[in-house]
Amino acid sequence: MKDYKKLTIEAYDRMAQNFSDTHFDSMYTSEFKKFTSLLKGNKVLEIGCGAGRDGELFIKNGYDYIGTDASSEMLKIAQKRTPSGVFKQMDYYNLDFPANTFDGFWASASFLHVPKKDVSKLITEAKRILKSGGVGFISVKERTGVDEGLIGQPIFGNIARYFSFYSRGEFKDKLKEAGLEVVKITKIVENDERKTLWFCYIVRKP
């Protein structure tokens, strides 16, 4: 397999400003409310913060927030967008935090960028940094054709990124296998030309 991780990070570095300009408003308003209502504390880690769209929302609402991303160019935009925010470049497979640190993690459209054979490693690592009783949010795209692979989109100049697509039950099983309780699953339609379908999972660490 090609070095999907390197290619995807390089893709986001190249398309960072375009991506930020086309993903300005969060589509997870109701999911944000549900997620935050379940938090027992205010310490939140975002895994894949991108250009800082959702991070801005957490910070404005007073959460003790840290945003992480693998793309240095995306992080520059996130920091400029919210100067008071804490943003760190980090590998999702090895989050540089002690176990049981956060009350919640937020992973919007980040876990879908790894091969299916590896996604359980990311889920387990996200679980590790959660406190007992902590909650997490993960969104992935619904599988409607292609299962996984390097894909380019015209809106971003056909720069290839790695995508994995899932059925509702397929990703739910991955979460349960990792020992997470699935609290809620929501299917939403993105307001874009493709009407992209997303599954949103809210989970809890026992």
C-alpha atoms as a PDB file:
ATOM      1  CA  MET A   1       0.000   0.000   0.000  1.00  0.00           C
ATOM      2  CA  LYS A   2       1.166   3.531  -0.730  1.00  0.00           C
ATOM      3  CA  ASP A   3       2.066   5.731   2.233  1.00  0.00           C
ATOM      4  CA  TYR A   4      -1.529   6.890   2.712  1.00  0.00           C
ATOM      5  CA  LYS A   5      -0.677   8.851   5.854  1.00  0.00           C
ATOM      6  CA  LYS A   6       2.051  10.935   4.200  1.00  0.00           C
ATOM      7  CA  LEU A   7      -0.054  11.539   1.077  1.00  0.00           C
ATOM      8  CA  THR A   8      -3.107  12.609   3.078  1.00  0.00           C
ATOM      9  CA  ILE A   9      -1.137  14.979   5.311  1.00  0.00           C
ATOM     10  CA  GLU A  10       0.552  16.514   2.265  1.00  0.00           C
ATOM     11  CA  ALA A  11      -2.863  16.869   0.616  1.00  0.00           C
ATOM     12  CA  TYR A  12      -4.240  18.831   3.563  1.00  0.00           C
ATOM     13  CA  ASP A  13      -1.127  21.007   3.662  1.00  0.00           C
ATOM     14  CA  ARG A  14      -1.680  21.873  -0.006  1.00  0.00           C
ATOM     15  CA  MET A  15      -5.433  22.464   0.222  1.00  0.00           C
ATOM     16  CA  ALA A  16      -5.541  24.012   3.702  1.00  0.00           C
ATOM     17  CA  GLN A  17      -6.871  27.460   2.776  1.00  0.00           C
ATOM     18  CA  ASN A  18      -9.335  26.108   0.216  1.00  0.00           C
ATOM     19  CA  PHE A  19     -10.604  23.569   2.738  1.00  0.00           C
ATOM     20  CA  SER A  20     -11.003  26.219   5.426  1.00  0.00           C
ATOM     21  CA  ASP A  21     -12.875  28.516   3.047  1.00  0.00           C
ATOM     22  CA  THR A  22     -15.327  25.758   2.065  1.00  0.00           C
ATOM     23  CA  HIS A  23     -15.853  24.293   5.561  1.00  0.00           C
ATOM     24  CA  PHE A  24     -16.527  27.409   7.601  1.00  0.00           C
ATOM     25  CA  ASP A  25     -19.793  26.546   9.355  1.00  0.00           C
ATOM     26  CA  SER A  26     -20.151  23.431  11.499  1.00  0.00           C
ATOM     27  CA  MET A  27     -22.793  20.925  10.453  1.00  0.00           C
ATOM     28  CA  TYR A  28     -22.762  19.323  13.900  1.00  0.00           C
ATOM     29  CA  THR A  29     -24.774  21.838  15.937  1.00  0.00           C
ATOM     30  CA  SER A  30     -27.182  19.311  17.458  1.00  0.00           C
ATOM     31  CA  GLU A  31     -24.408  16.734  17.920  1.00  0.00           C
ATOM     32  CA  PHE A  32     -22.305  19.360  19.733  1.00  0.00           C
ATOM     33  CA  LYS A  33     -25.181  20.057  22.135  1.00  0.00           C
ATOM     34  CA  LYS A  34     -25.737  16.360  22.824  1.00  0.00           C
ATOM     35  CA  PHE A  35     -22.019  15.685  23.273  1.00  0.00           C
ATOM     36  CA  THR A  36     -21.431  18.589  25.650  1.00  0.00           C
ATOM     37  CA  SER A  37     -24.537  17.691  27.679  1.00  0.00           C
ATOM     38  CA  LEU A  38     -22.908  14.328  28.470  1.00  0.00           C
ATOM     39  CA  LEU A  39     -19.522  15.724  29.544  1.00  0.00           C
ATOM     40  CA  LYS A  40     -18.718  15.340  33.242  1.00  0.00           C
ATOM     41  CA  GLY A  41     -15.964  17.963  33.045  1.00  0.00           C
ATOM     42  CA  ASN A  42     -14.740  20.579  30.585  1.00  0.00           C
ATOM     43  CA  LYS A  43     -11.419  19.137  29.340  1.00  0.00           C
ATOM     44  CA  VAL A  44     -11.795  18.236  25.639  1.00  0.00           C
ATOM     45  CA  LEU A  45      -9.328  16.957  23.036  1.00  0.00           C
ATOM     46  CA  GLU A  46     -10.074  17.319  19.346  1.00  0.00           C
ATOM     47  CA  ILE A  47      -8.447  14.613  17.219  1.00  0.00           C
ATOM     48  CA  GLY A  48      -8.183  16.135  13.760  1.00  0.00           C
ATOM     49  CA  CYS A  49      -9.042  19.782  14.382  1.00  0.00           C
ATOM     50  CA  GLY A  50      -8.257  20.850  10.821  1.00  0.00           C
ATOM     51  CA  ALA A  51      -8.601  24.591  10.341  1.00  0.00           C
ATOM     52  CA  GLY A  52     -10.181  25.045  13.769  1.00  0.00           C
ATOM     53  CA  ARG A  53     -13.864  25.289  12.889  1.00  0.00           C
ATOM     54  CA  ASP A  54     -15.197  23.144  15.735  1.00  0.00           C
ATOM     55  CA  GLY A  55     -12.384  24.180  18.066  1.00  0.00           C
ATOM     56  CA  GLU A  56     -13.600  27.753  17.869  1.00  0.00           C
ATOM     57  CA  LEU A  57     -17.009  26.541  19.039  1.00  0.00           C
ATOM     58  CA  PHE A  58     -15.565  24.704  22.051  1.00  0.00           C
ATOM     59  CA  ILE A  59     -13.380  27.651  23.042  1.00  0.00           C
ATOM     60  CA  LYS A  60     -16.222  30.177  22.737  1.00  0.00           C
ATOM     61  CA  ASN A  61     -18.298  27.965  25.024  1.00  0.00           C
ATOM     62  CA  GLY A  62     -15.614  27.961  27.708  1.00  0.00           C
ATOM     63  CA  TYR A  63     -14.186  24.456  27.375  1.00  0.00           C
ATOM     64  CA  ASP A  64     -10.599  23.600  28.317  1.00  0.00           C
ATOM     65  CA  TYR A  65      -9.817  22.589  24.752  1.00  0.00           C
ATOM     66  CA  ILE A  66      -6.766  21.262  22.913  1.00  0.00           C
ATOM     67  CA  GLY A  67      -6.863  20.761  19.147  1.00  0.00           C
ATOM     68  CA  THR A  68      -4.539  18.298  17.409  1.00  0.00           C
ATOM     69  CA  ASP A  69      -3.904  17.711  13.728  1.00  0.00           C
ATOM     70  CA  ALA A  70      -1.237  16.128  11.528  1.00  0.00           C
ATOM     71  CA  SER A  71      -1.235  19.007   9.007  1.00  0.00           C
ATOM     72  CA  SER A  72       0.985  21.951   9.939  1.00  0.00           C
ATOM     73  CA  GLU A  73      -0.738  24.233   7.420  1.00  0.00           C
ATOM     74  CA  MET A  74      -4.184  23.480   8.813  1.00  0.00           C
ATOM     75  CA  LEU A  75      -2.916  24.210  12.310  1.00  0.00           C
ATOM     76  CA  LYS A  76      -1.601  27.612  11.214  1.00  0.00           C
ATOM     77  CA  ILE A  77      -5.093  28.542  10.043  1.00  0.00           C
ATOM     78  CA  ALA A  78      -6.661  27.189  13.243  1.00  0.00           C
ATOM     79  CA  GLN A  79      -4.296  29.257  15.393  1.00  0.00           C
ATOM     80  CA  LYS A  80      -4.970  32.382  13.352  1.00  0.00           C
ATOM     81  CA  ARG A  81      -8.701  31.787  13.578  1.00  0.00           C
ATOM     82  CA  THR A  82      -8.620  31.404  17.365  1.00  0.00           C
ATOM     83  CA  PRO A  83      -5.399  32.956  18.751  1.00  0.00           C
ATOM     84  CA  SER A  84      -6.275  31.982  22.318  1.00  0.00           C
ATOM     85  CA  GLY A  85      -6.632  28.296  21.405  1.00  0.00           C
ATOM     86  CA  VAL A  86      -4.096  25.544  22.075  1.00  0.00           C
ATOM     87  CA  PHE A  87      -3.269  23.615  18.897  1.00  0.00           C
ATOM     88  CA  LYS A  88      -0.632  20.891  18.537  1.00  0.00           C
ATOM     89  CA  GLN A  89       0.733  18.873  15.616  1.00  0.00           C
ATOM     90  CA  MET A  90       0.333  15.211  16.516  1.00  0.00           C
ATOM     91  CA  ASP A  91       0.083  11.656  15.188  1.00  0.00           C
ATOM     92  CA  TYR A  92      -3.343  10.214  16.004  1.00  0.00           C
ATOM     93  CA  TYR A  93      -1.849   6.766  16.547  1.00  0.00           C
ATOM     94  CA  ASN A  94       0.306   8.082  19.400  1.00  0.00           C
ATOM     95  CA  LEU A  95      -1.429  10.915  21.212  1.00  0.00           C
ATOM     96  CA  ASP A  96       1.107  12.649  23.434  1.00  0.00           C
ATOM     97  CA  PHE A  97      -1.036  12.713  26.574  1.00  0.00           C
ATOM     98  CA  PRO A  98      -1.220  10.499  29.665  1.00  0.00           C
ATOM     99  CA  ALA A  99      -4.044   7.986  29.990  1.00  0.00           C
ATOM    100  CA  ASN A 100      -7.288   9.183  31.571  1.00  0.00           C
ATOM    101  CA  THR A 101      -6.622  12.871  30.850  1.00  0.00           C
ATOM    102  CA  PHE A 102      -9.720  14.143  29.045  1.00  0.00           C
ATOM    103  CA  ASP A 103     -13.433  14.306  29.796  1.00  0.00           C
ATOM    104  CA  GLY A 104     -14.193  14.061  26.099  1.00  0.00           C
ATOM    105  CA  PHE A 105     -12.707  13.717  22.633  1.00  0.00           C
ATOM    106  CA  TRP A 106     -14.088  15.089  19.380  1.00  0.00           C
ATOM    107  CA  ALA A 107     -13.060  13.430  16.090  1.00  0.00           C
ATOM    108  CA  SER A 108     -14.932  14.970  13.177  1.00  0.00           C
ATOM    109  CA  ALA A 109     -14.067  13.417   9.799  1.00  0.00           C
ATOM    110  CA  SER A 110     -10.610  12.280  10.900  1.00  0.00           C
ATOM    111  CA  PHE A 111     -10.861   8.530  11.540  1.00  0.00           C
ATOM    112  CA  LEU A 112     -12.117   8.051   7.977  1.00  0.00           C
ATOM    113  CA  HIS A 113      -8.648   8.898   6.644  1.00  0.00           C
ATOM    114  CA  VAL A 114      -7.030   5.612   7.687  1.00  0.00           C
ATOM    115  CA  PRO A 115      -7.359   2.099   6.233  1.00  0.00           C
ATOM    116  CA  LYS A 116     -10.036  -0.003   7.884  1.00  0.00           C
ATOM    117  CA  LYS A 117      -7.435  -2.467   9.107  1.00  0.00           C
ATOM    118  CA  ASP A 118      -5.861   0.321  11.194  1.00  0.00           C
ATOM    119  CA  VAL A 119      -8.877   2.221  12.508  1.00  0.00           C
ATOM    120  CA  SER A 120      -9.172   0.102  15.667  1.00  0.00           C
ATOM    121  CA  LYS A 121      -5.737   1.405  16.711  1.00  0.00           C
ATOM    122  CA  LEU A 122      -7.049   4.982  16.562  1.00  0.00           C
ATOM    123  CA  ILE A 123     -10.199   4.121  18.489  1.00  0.00           C
ATOM    124  CA  THR A 124      -8.163   2.379  21.200  1.00  0.00           C
ATOM    125  CA  GLU A 125      -5.795   5.353  21.473  1.00  0.00           C
ATOM    126  CA  ALA A 126      -8.719   7.780  21.767  1.00  0.00           C
ATOM    127  CA  LYS A 127     -10.219   5.584  24.468  1.00  0.00           C
ATOM    128  CA  ARG A 128      -6.893   5.552  26.344  1.00  0.00           C
ATOM    129  CA  ILE A 129      -6.797   9.317  26.862  1.00  0.00           C
ATOM    130  CA  LEU A 130     -10.420   9.423  28.091  1.00  0.00           C
ATOM    131  CA  LYS A 131     -11.251   9.375  31.763  1.00  0.00           C
ATOM    132  CA  SER A 132     -13.629   6.664  32.951  1.00  0.00           C
ATOM    133  CA  GLY A 133     -17.120   7.894  32.108  1.00  0.00           C
ATOM    134  CA  GLY A 134     -15.713  10.209  29.441  1.00  0.00           C
ATOM    135  CA  VAL A 135     -17.475  10.617  26.111  1.00  0.00           C
ATOM    136  CA  GLY A 136     -16.351  10.838  22.512  1.00  0.00           C
ATOM    137  CA  PHE A 137     -17.740  11.965  19.171  1.00  0.00           C
ATOM    138  CA  ILE A 138     -16.685  10.402  15.852  1.00  0.00           C
ATOM    139  CA  SER A 139     -18.088  11.068  12.382  1.00  0.00           C
ATOM    140  CA  VAL A 140     -17.450   8.939   9.290  1.00  0.00           C
ATOM    141  CA  LYS A 141     -18.860   8.903   5.772  1.00  0.00           C
ATOM    142  CA  GLU A 142     -21.430   6.300   4.763  1.00  0.00           C
ATOM    143  CA  ARG A 143     -20.318   3.668   2.278  1.00  0.00           C
ATOM    144  CA  THR A 144     -22.348   4.069  -0.911  1.00  0.00           C
ATOM    145  CA  GLY A 145     -19.946   2.541  -3.425  1.00  0.00           C
ATOM    146  CA  VAL A 146     -16.190   2.547  -2.946  1.00  0.00           C
ATOM    147  CA  ASP A 147     -15.053   0.787   0.239  1.00  0.00           C
ATOM    148  CA  GLU A 148     -11.701   2.551   0.756  1.00  0.00           C
ATOM    149  CA  GLY A 149      -8.771   4.015  -1.146  1.00  0.00           C
ATOM    150  CA  LEU A 150      -7.043   7.190  -2.353  1.00  0.00           C
ATOM    151  CA  ILE A 151      -9.635   9.593  -3.754  1.00  0.00           C
ATOM    152  CA  GLY A 152      -9.395  13.093  -5.223  1.00  0.00           C
ATOM    153  CA  GLN A 153     -12.247  15.614  -5.336  1.00  0.00           C
ATOM    154  CA  PRO A 154     -12.595  18.278  -8.063  1.00  0.00           C
ATOM    155  CA  ILE A 155     -13.380  21.013  -5.513  1.00  0.00           C
ATOM    156  CA  PHE A 156      -9.870  20.501  -4.096  1.00  0.00           C
ATOM    157  CA  GLY A 157      -8.056  20.087  -7.405  1.00  0.00           C
ATOM    158  CA  ASN A 158      -8.314  16.285  -7.314  1.00  0.00           C
ATOM    159  CA  ILE A 159      -5.537  16.093  -4.716  1.00  0.00           C
ATOM    160  CA  ALA A 160      -5.739  12.517  -3.423  1.00  0.00           C
ATOM    161  CA  ARG A 161      -6.572  11.737   0.202  1.00  0.00           C
ATOM    162  CA  TYR A 162      -7.214   8.340   1.767  1.00  0.00           C
ATOM    163  CA  PHE A 163     -10.840   7.606   2.626  1.00  0.00           C
ATOM    164  CA  SER A 164     -12.570   4.656   4.276  1.00  0.00           C
ATOM    165  CA  PHE A 165     -16.361   4.418   4.077  1.00  0.00           C
ATOM    166  CA  TYR A 166     -18.593   2.517   6.490  1.00  0.00           C
ATOM    167  CA  SER A 167     -22.065   1.141   6.992  1.00  0.00           C
ATOM    168  CA  ARG A 168     -23.831   2.113  10.212  1.00  0.00           C
ATOM    169  CA  GLY A 169     -23.303  -1.269  11.850  1.00  0.00           C
ATOM    170  CA  GLU A 170     -19.762  -1.784  10.582  1.00  0.00           C
ATOM    171  CA  PHE A 171     -18.319   1.191  12.444  1.00  0.00           C
ATOM    172  CA  LYS A 172     -20.525   0.553  15.471  1.00  0.00           C
ATOM    173  CA  ASP A 173     -18.953  -2.906  15.736  1.00  0.00           C
ATOM    174  CA  LYS A 174     -15.450  -1.361  15.659  1.00  0.00           C
ATOM    175  CA  LEU A 175     -16.379   0.877  18.591  1.00  0.00           C
ATOM    176  CA  LYS A 176     -17.875  -1.957  20.622  1.00  0.00           C
ATOM    177  CA  GLU A 177     -14.863  -4.191  19.950  1.00  0.00           C
ATOM    178  CA  ALA A 178     -12.674  -1.453  21.450  1.00  0.00           C
ATOM    179  CA  GLY A 179     -14.749  -1.527  24.630  1.00  0.00           C
ATOM    180  CA  LEU A 180     -16.689   1.694  24.100  1.00  0.00           C
ATOM    181  CA  GLU A 181     -20.398   2.046  24.808  1.00  0.00           C
ATOM    182  CA  VAL A 182     -22.298   3.457  21.828  1.00  0.00           C
ATOM    183  CA  VAL A 183     -24.650   6.070  23.288  1.00  0.00           C
ATOM    184  CA  LYS A 184     -26.160   7.532  20.119  1.00  0.00           C
ATOM    185  CA  ILE A 185     -25.899   7.187  16.339  1.00  0.00           C
ATOM    186  CA  THR A 186     -27.164   9.936  14.040  1.00  0.00           C
ATOM    187  CA  LYS A 187     -27.216  10.027  10.253  1.00  0.00           C
ATOM    188  CA  ILE A 188     -26.924  13.475   8.725  1.00  0.00           C
ATOM    189  CA  VAL A 189     -26.769  14.858   5.207  1.00  0.00           C
ATOM    190  CA  GLU A 190     -24.119  17.475   4.501  1.00  0.00           C
ATOM    191  CA  ASN A 191     -25.381  20.577   2.720  1.00  0.00           C
ATOM    192  CA  ASP A 192     -23.013  20.288  -0.225  1.00  0.00           C
ATOM    193  CA  GLU A 193     -23.321  19.472  -3.924  1.00  0.00           C
ATOM    194  CA  ARG A 194     -22.847  15.762  -3.270  1.00  0.00           C
ATOM    195  CA  LYS A 195     -25.264  15.642  -0.307  1.00  0.00           C
ATOM    196  CA  THR A 196     -22.643  13.598   1.529  1.00  0.00           C
ATOM    197  CA  LEU A 197     -24.050  11.145   4.075  1.00  0.00           C
ATOM    198  CA  TRP A 198     -22.421  10.942   7.503  1.00  0.00           C
ATOM    199  CA  PHE A 199     -22.781   8.678  10.522  1.00  0.00           C
ATOM    200  CA  CYS A 200     -22.146  10.425  13.840  1.00  0.00           C
ATOM    201  CA  TYR A 201     -21.370   8.285  16.886  1.00  0.00           C
ATOM    202  CA  ILE A 202     -21.371   9.419  20.490  1.00  0.00           C
ATOM    203  CA  VAL A 203     -19.565   6.919  22.713  1.00  0.00           C
ATOM    204  CA  ARG A 204     -18.712   6.520  26.381  1.00  0.00           C
ATOM    205  CA  LYS A 205     -15.761   4.873  28.133  1.00  0.00           C
ATOM    206  CA  PRO A 206     -17.004   2.599  30.944  1.00  0.00           C
END
